[in-house]
Amino acid sequence: MGDARNNNFSSGADLLGEIGEMSAGICWLNPETSDFWGMGDSYMNVYAPCCKGVFECRNIGQLRKFLELLA
């Protein structure tokens, strides 16, 4: 879970891809509105291909919807 902002560091997407390959997959919960993914220092557009899914998760309703997908 995180906003995928790099704070002026490298993305580390290669490492995230390796983690995704070694695991059952990555589901990214992003508390930032999806309108801002990939803007400014956001690497969400770079991380998304490494993930099974990316989900906006800013409130309990969105978290509940994500949990229902897992069930």
C-alpha atoms as a PDB file:
ATOM      1  CA  MET A   1       0.000   0.000   0.000  1.00  0.00           C
ATOM      2  CA  GLY A   2       1.323   3.420  -0.890  1.00  0.00           C
ATOM      3  CA  ASP A   3       1.021   6.369  -3.223  1.00  0.00           C
ATOM      4  CA  ALA A   4       3.853   5.191  -5.544  1.00  0.00           C
ATOM      5  CA  ARG A   5       5.612   8.534  -5.365  1.00  0.00           C
ATOM      6  CA  ASN A   6       9.376   8.214  -5.618  1.00  0.00           C
ATOM      7  CA  ASN A   7      10.443  11.408  -3.820  1.00  0.00           C
ATOM      8  CA  ASN A   8      13.163  11.901  -6.442  1.00  0.00           C
ATOM      9  CA  PHE A   9      14.635   8.386  -6.146  1.00  0.00           C
ATOM     10  CA  SER A  10      14.770   5.715  -8.849  1.00  0.00           C
ATOM     11  CA  SER A  11      11.591   3.706  -9.347  1.00  0.00           C
ATOM     12  CA  GLY A  12      12.994   0.288  -8.430  1.00  0.00           C
ATOM     13  CA  ALA A  13      10.477  -1.225 -10.860  1.00  0.00           C
ATOM     14  CA  ASP A  14      12.943  -3.979 -11.786  1.00  0.00           C
ATOM     15  CA  LEU A  15      12.975  -5.123  -8.152  1.00  0.00           C
ATOM     16  CA  LEU A  16       9.200  -4.889  -7.896  1.00  0.00           C
ATOM     17  CA  GLY A  17       8.924  -7.061 -11.016  1.00  0.00           C
ATOM     18  CA  GLU A  18      11.211  -9.665  -9.434  1.00  0.00           C
ATOM     19  CA  ILE A  19       9.153  -9.672  -6.247  1.00  0.00           C
ATOM     20  CA  GLY A  20       5.996 -10.147  -8.305  1.00  0.00           C
ATOM     21  CA  GLU A  21       7.540 -13.090 -10.138  1.00  0.00           C
ATOM     22  CA  MET A  22       8.718 -14.761  -6.907  1.00  0.00           C
ATOM     23  CA  SER A  23       5.380 -14.325  -5.166  1.00  0.00           C
ATOM     24  CA  ALA A  24       1.746 -15.059  -5.858  1.00  0.00           C
ATOM     25  CA  GLY A  25       1.555 -11.550  -7.300  1.00  0.00           C
ATOM     26  CA  ILE A  26       1.277  -7.978  -6.123  1.00  0.00           C
ATOM     27  CA  CYS A  27      -1.937  -6.079  -5.512  1.00  0.00           C
ATOM     28  CA  TRP A  28      -1.192  -2.394  -5.002  1.00  0.00           C
ATOM     29  CA  LEU A  29      -3.565  -0.327  -2.879  1.00  0.00           C
ATOM     30  CA  ASN A  30      -3.037   3.354  -3.616  1.00  0.00           C
ATOM     31  CA  PRO A  31      -4.613   5.985  -1.332  1.00  0.00           C
ATOM     32  CA  GLU A  32      -4.227   8.663  -4.004  1.00  0.00           C
ATOM     33  CA  THR A  33      -7.032   9.283  -6.499  1.00  0.00           C
ATOM     34  CA  SER A  34      -6.303   7.450  -9.753  1.00  0.00           C
ATOM     35  CA  ASP A  35      -6.500  10.733 -11.697  1.00  0.00           C
ATOM     36  CA  PHE A  36      -3.029  11.559 -10.369  1.00  0.00           C
ATOM     37  CA  TRP A  37      -1.355   8.182 -10.974  1.00  0.00           C
ATOM     38  CA  GLY A  38       1.636   8.680 -13.249  1.00  0.00           C
ATOM     39  CA  MET A  39       1.720  12.452 -12.759  1.00  0.00           C
ATOM     40  CA  GLY A  40       4.593  14.369 -11.190  1.00  0.00           C
ATOM     41  CA  ASP A  41       6.796  11.992  -9.222  1.00  0.00           C
ATOM     42  CA  SER A  42       4.198   9.184  -9.226  1.00  0.00           C
ATOM     43  CA  TYR A  43       5.473   5.891 -10.619  1.00  0.00           C
ATOM     44  CA  MET A  44       2.118   4.125 -10.494  1.00  0.00           C
ATOM     45  CA  ASN A  45       2.087   3.854 -14.293  1.00  0.00           C
ATOM     46  CA  VAL A  46       5.521   2.154 -14.098  1.00  0.00           C
ATOM     47  CA  TYR A  47       4.576  -0.148 -11.201  1.00  0.00           C
ATOM     48  CA  ALA A  48       1.170  -1.202 -12.553  1.00  0.00           C
ATOM     49  CA  PRO A  49       2.555  -3.675 -15.149  1.00  0.00           C
ATOM     50  CA  CYS A  50       4.428  -5.424 -12.317  1.00  0.00           C
ATOM     51  CA  CYS A  51       1.185  -5.941 -10.385  1.00  0.00           C
ATOM     52  CA  LYS A  52      -1.745  -8.330 -10.638  1.00  0.00           C
ATOM     53  CA  GLY A  53      -3.901  -5.308  -9.967  1.00  0.00           C
ATOM     54  CA  VAL A  54      -3.800  -1.729  -8.750  1.00  0.00           C
ATOM     55  CA  PHE A  55      -6.662  -0.306  -6.757  1.00  0.00           C
ATOM     56  CA  GLU A  56      -7.575   3.123  -5.489  1.00  0.00           C
ATOM     57  CA  CYS A  57      -8.081   2.672  -1.768  1.00  0.00           C
ATOM     58  CA  ARG A  58      -8.870   5.959  -0.054  1.00  0.00           C
ATOM     59  CA  ASN A  59     -11.755   4.967   2.188  1.00  0.00           C
ATOM     60  CA  ILE A  60     -13.423   2.002   3.879  1.00  0.00           C
ATOM     61  CA  GLY A  61     -15.818   1.479   0.961  1.00  0.00           C
ATOM     62  CA  GLN A  62     -12.971   1.070  -1.524  1.00  0.00           C
ATOM     63  CA  LEU A  63     -11.123  -1.217   0.896  1.00  0.00           C
ATOM     64  CA  ARG A  64     -14.261  -3.336   1.327  1.00  0.00           C
ATOM     65  CA  LYS A  65     -14.643  -3.588  -2.475  1.00  0.00           C
ATOM     66  CA  PHE A  66     -11.024  -4.757  -2.796  1.00  0.00           C
ATOM     67  CA  LEU A  67     -11.489  -7.349  -0.031  1.00  0.00           C
ATOM     68  CA  GLU A  68     -14.609  -8.665  -1.757  1.00  0.00           C
ATOM     69  CA  LEU A  69     -12.537  -9.222  -4.912  1.00  0.00           C
ATOM     70  CA  LEU A  70     -10.111 -11.348  -2.900  1.00  0.00           C
ATOM     71  CA  ALA A  71     -12.879 -13.494  -1.402  1.00  0.00           C
END
